[in-house]
Amino acid sequence: MNDQVIELASIKLAKGHTETQLIEASNAFQDTFLNAQDGFIRRDFVRKGDGTYMDIIHWKSRAHADAVFEKAKASETAGRYFALMDFDSELMDEGVEHCALLVSFTKG
């Protein structure tokens, strides 16, 4: 059985910050934090039609996603990325959803 999950994190840019700043912080978050995390598979960062953003992260399991989320709370690099987002820091997991991956398709 496939235990993979996809994490969908809705992101609204905080006032006074730019998309360029968000992308730069996203790149640093990827390079210095996520790439080193056990269970990480891949990540896509997208801009939605309404101007908000979404982080789409593929994990080997929900347990991996949860463990990394806890580590992210203490990460300086993650903190710089999260600081560009408009959300209540007391409700960090608000706007984050985990979906079971049932099947994946690629052109082949």
C-alpha atoms as a PDB file:
ATOM      1  CA  MET A   1       0.000   0.000   0.000  1.00  0.00           C
ATOM      2  CA  ASN A   2       1.146   3.501  -0.837  1.00  0.00           C
ATOM      3  CA  ASP A   3       1.490   5.722   2.242  1.00  0.00           C
ATOM      4  CA  GLN A   4       2.433   8.863   0.316  1.00  0.00           C
ATOM      5  CA  VAL A   5       0.658  12.096   1.162  1.00  0.00           C
ATOM      6  CA  ILE A   6       0.491  15.437  -0.530  1.00  0.00           C
ATOM      7  CA  GLU A   7       0.581  18.501   1.687  1.00  0.00           C
ATOM      8  CA  LEU A   8      -1.349  21.498   0.375  1.00  0.00           C
ATOM      9  CA  ALA A   9      -0.454  24.727   2.140  1.00  0.00           C
ATOM     10  CA  SER A  10      -2.371  27.872   1.177  1.00  0.00           C
ATOM     11  CA  ILE A  11      -0.258  31.018   1.410  1.00  0.00           C
ATOM     12  CA  LYS A  12      -1.252  34.666   1.458  1.00  0.00           C
ATOM     13  CA  LEU A  13       1.584  37.160   1.134  1.00  0.00           C
ATOM     14  CA  ALA A  14       1.912  39.476   4.123  1.00  0.00           C
ATOM     15  CA  LYS A  15       1.508  43.210   3.467  1.00  0.00           C
ATOM     16  CA  GLY A  16       4.712  45.033   2.641  1.00  0.00           C
ATOM     17  CA  HIS A  17       6.376  42.007   1.023  1.00  0.00           C
ATOM     18  CA  THR A  18       6.831  41.061  -2.611  1.00  0.00           C
ATOM     19  CA  GLU A  19       6.461  37.881  -4.593  1.00  0.00           C
ATOM     20  CA  THR A  20      10.188  38.052  -5.338  1.00  0.00           C
ATOM     21  CA  GLN A  21      10.962  38.037  -1.610  1.00  0.00           C
ATOM     22  CA  LEU A  22       8.597  35.099  -1.116  1.00  0.00           C
ATOM     23  CA  ILE A  23      10.237  33.098  -3.923  1.00  0.00           C
ATOM     24  CA  GLU A  24      13.737  33.847  -2.585  1.00  0.00           C
ATOM     25  CA  ALA A  25      12.709  32.720   0.908  1.00  0.00           C
ATOM     26  CA  SER A  26      11.003  29.668  -0.601  1.00  0.00           C
ATOM     27  CA  ASN A  27      14.219  28.753  -2.419  1.00  0.00           C
ATOM     28  CA  ALA A  28      16.261  29.086   0.785  1.00  0.00           C
ATOM     29  CA  PHE A  29      13.676  27.012   2.681  1.00  0.00           C
ATOM     30  CA  GLN A  30      14.024  24.313   0.028  1.00  0.00           C
ATOM     31  CA  ASP A  31      17.830  24.385  -0.215  1.00  0.00           C
ATOM     32  CA  THR A  32      18.750  24.609   3.449  1.00  0.00           C
ATOM     33  CA  PHE A  33      15.833  22.874   5.145  1.00  0.00           C
ATOM     34  CA  LEU A  34      13.507  20.656   3.098  1.00  0.00           C
ATOM     35  CA  ASN A  35      16.196  18.956   1.006  1.00  0.00           C
ATOM     36  CA  ALA A  36      17.715  17.584   4.223  1.00  0.00           C
ATOM     37  CA  GLN A  37      14.459  16.171   5.591  1.00  0.00           C
ATOM     38  CA  ASP A  38      13.714  12.471   5.757  1.00  0.00           C
ATOM     39  CA  GLY A  39      10.626  11.518   3.760  1.00  0.00           C
ATOM     40  CA  PHE A  40      10.654  14.528   1.441  1.00  0.00           C
ATOM     41  CA  ILE A  41       9.935  13.605  -2.196  1.00  0.00           C
ATOM     42  CA  ARG A  42       9.225  16.793  -4.147  1.00  0.00           C
ATOM     43  CA  ARG A  43       7.707  20.226  -3.919  1.00  0.00           C
ATOM     44  CA  ASP A  44       5.902  22.636  -6.227  1.00  0.00           C
ATOM     45  CA  PHE A  45       5.265  26.276  -5.377  1.00  0.00           C
ATOM     46  CA  VAL A  46       2.447  27.891  -7.382  1.00  0.00           C
ATOM     47  CA  ARG A  47       0.568  31.161  -7.722  1.00  0.00           C
ATOM     48  CA  LYS A  48      -3.188  30.683  -7.861  1.00  0.00           C
ATOM     49  CA  GLY A  49      -5.567  32.691 -10.035  1.00  0.00           C
ATOM     50  CA  ASP A  50      -6.634  34.821  -7.069  1.00  0.00           C
ATOM     51  CA  GLY A  51      -3.047  35.978  -6.427  1.00  0.00           C
ATOM     52  CA  THR A  52      -2.466  33.744  -3.407  1.00  0.00           C
ATOM     53  CA  TYR A  53       0.050  30.905  -3.407  1.00  0.00           C
ATOM     54  CA  MET A  54       0.174  27.227  -2.628  1.00  0.00           C
ATOM     55  CA  ASP A  55       3.004  24.987  -1.520  1.00  0.00           C
ATOM     56  CA  ILE A  56       2.435  21.434  -2.755  1.00  0.00           C
ATOM     57  CA  ILE A  57       4.758  19.007  -0.988  1.00  0.00           C
ATOM     58  CA  HIS A  58       4.934  15.262  -1.579  1.00  0.00           C
ATOM     59  CA  TRP A  59       5.923  13.120   1.422  1.00  0.00           C
ATOM     60  CA  LYS A  60       6.622   9.405   1.832  1.00  0.00           C
ATOM     61  CA  SER A  61       4.057   9.317   4.653  1.00  0.00           C
ATOM     62  CA  ARG A  62       1.932  11.493   6.908  1.00  0.00           C
ATOM     63  CA  ALA A  63       4.312  10.675   9.757  1.00  0.00           C
ATOM     64  CA  HIS A  64       7.183  12.213   7.760  1.00  0.00           C
ATOM     65  CA  ALA A  65       5.132  15.331   7.013  1.00  0.00           C
ATOM     66  CA  ASP A  66       4.177  15.744  10.663  1.00  0.00           C
ATOM     67  CA  ALA A  67       7.744  15.249  11.904  1.00  0.00           C
ATOM     68  CA  VAL A  68       9.127  17.839   9.492  1.00  0.00           C
ATOM     69  CA  PHE A  69       6.360  20.296  10.401  1.00  0.00           C
ATOM     70  CA  GLU A  70       7.523  20.110  14.023  1.00  0.00           C
ATOM     71  CA  LYS A  71      11.149  20.681  12.969  1.00  0.00           C
ATOM     72  CA  ALA A  72      10.095  23.636  10.811  1.00  0.00           C
ATOM     73  CA  LYS A  73       8.710  25.421  13.865  1.00  0.00           C
ATOM     74  CA  ALA A  74      12.268  25.649  15.234  1.00  0.00           C
ATOM     75  CA  SER A  75      14.042  26.317  11.925  1.00  0.00           C
ATOM     76  CA  GLU A  76      15.470  29.793  11.372  1.00  0.00           C
ATOM     77  CA  THR A  77      15.222  29.385   7.577  1.00  0.00           C
ATOM     78  CA  ALA A  78      11.605  28.227   7.799  1.00  0.00           C
ATOM     79  CA  GLY A  79      10.886  31.145  10.120  1.00  0.00           C
ATOM     80  CA  ARG A  80      12.163  33.634   7.532  1.00  0.00           C
ATOM     81  CA  TYR A  81       9.922  32.028   4.909  1.00  0.00           C
ATOM     82  CA  PHE A  82       6.880  31.937   7.204  1.00  0.00           C
ATOM     83  CA  ALA A  83       7.454  35.587   8.213  1.00  0.00           C
ATOM     84  CA  LEU A  84       6.477  36.643   4.666  1.00  0.00           C
ATOM     85  CA  MET A  85       3.077  34.995   5.026  1.00  0.00           C
ATOM     86  CA  ASP A  86      -0.132  36.472   6.411  1.00  0.00           C
ATOM     87  CA  PHE A  87      -1.329  33.975   9.031  1.00  0.00           C
ATOM     88  CA  ASP A  88      -1.817  33.619  12.761  1.00  0.00           C
ATOM     89  CA  SER A  89       1.409  32.105  14.156  1.00  0.00           C
ATOM     90  CA  GLU A  90      -0.648  30.449  16.895  1.00  0.00           C
ATOM     91  CA  LEU A  91      -2.514  28.532  14.177  1.00  0.00           C
ATOM     92  CA  MET A  92       0.421  27.494  11.973  1.00  0.00           C
ATOM     93  CA  ASP A  93      -1.366  24.468  10.587  1.00  0.00           C
ATOM     94  CA  GLU A  94      -4.438  26.451   9.524  1.00  0.00           C
ATOM     95  CA  GLY A  95      -4.645  26.370   5.731  1.00  0.00           C
ATOM     96  CA  VAL A  96      -2.594  23.158   5.570  1.00  0.00           C
ATOM     97  CA  GLU A  97      -4.251  20.011   4.295  1.00  0.00           C
ATOM     98  CA  HIS A  98      -2.879  16.485   3.864  1.00  0.00           C
ATOM     99  CA  CYS A  99      -4.273  14.286   1.117  1.00  0.00           C
ATOM    100  CA  ALA A 100      -3.599  10.593   0.567  1.00  0.00           C
ATOM    101  CA  LEU A 101      -2.006   9.932  -2.817  1.00  0.00           C
ATOM    102  CA  LEU A 102      -4.131   7.264  -4.459  1.00  0.00           C
ATOM    103  CA  VAL A 103      -2.489   7.122  -7.860  1.00  0.00           C
ATOM    104  CA  SER A 104      -0.021   9.269  -9.789  1.00  0.00           C
ATOM    105  CA  PHE A 105       0.289   9.635 -13.556  1.00  0.00           C
ATOM    106  CA  THR A 106       3.089  10.885 -15.777  1.00  0.00           C
ATOM    107  CA  LYS A 107       3.287  11.023 -19.530  1.00  0.00           C
ATOM    108  CA  GLY A 108       4.823   7.799 -20.647  1.00  0.00           C
END
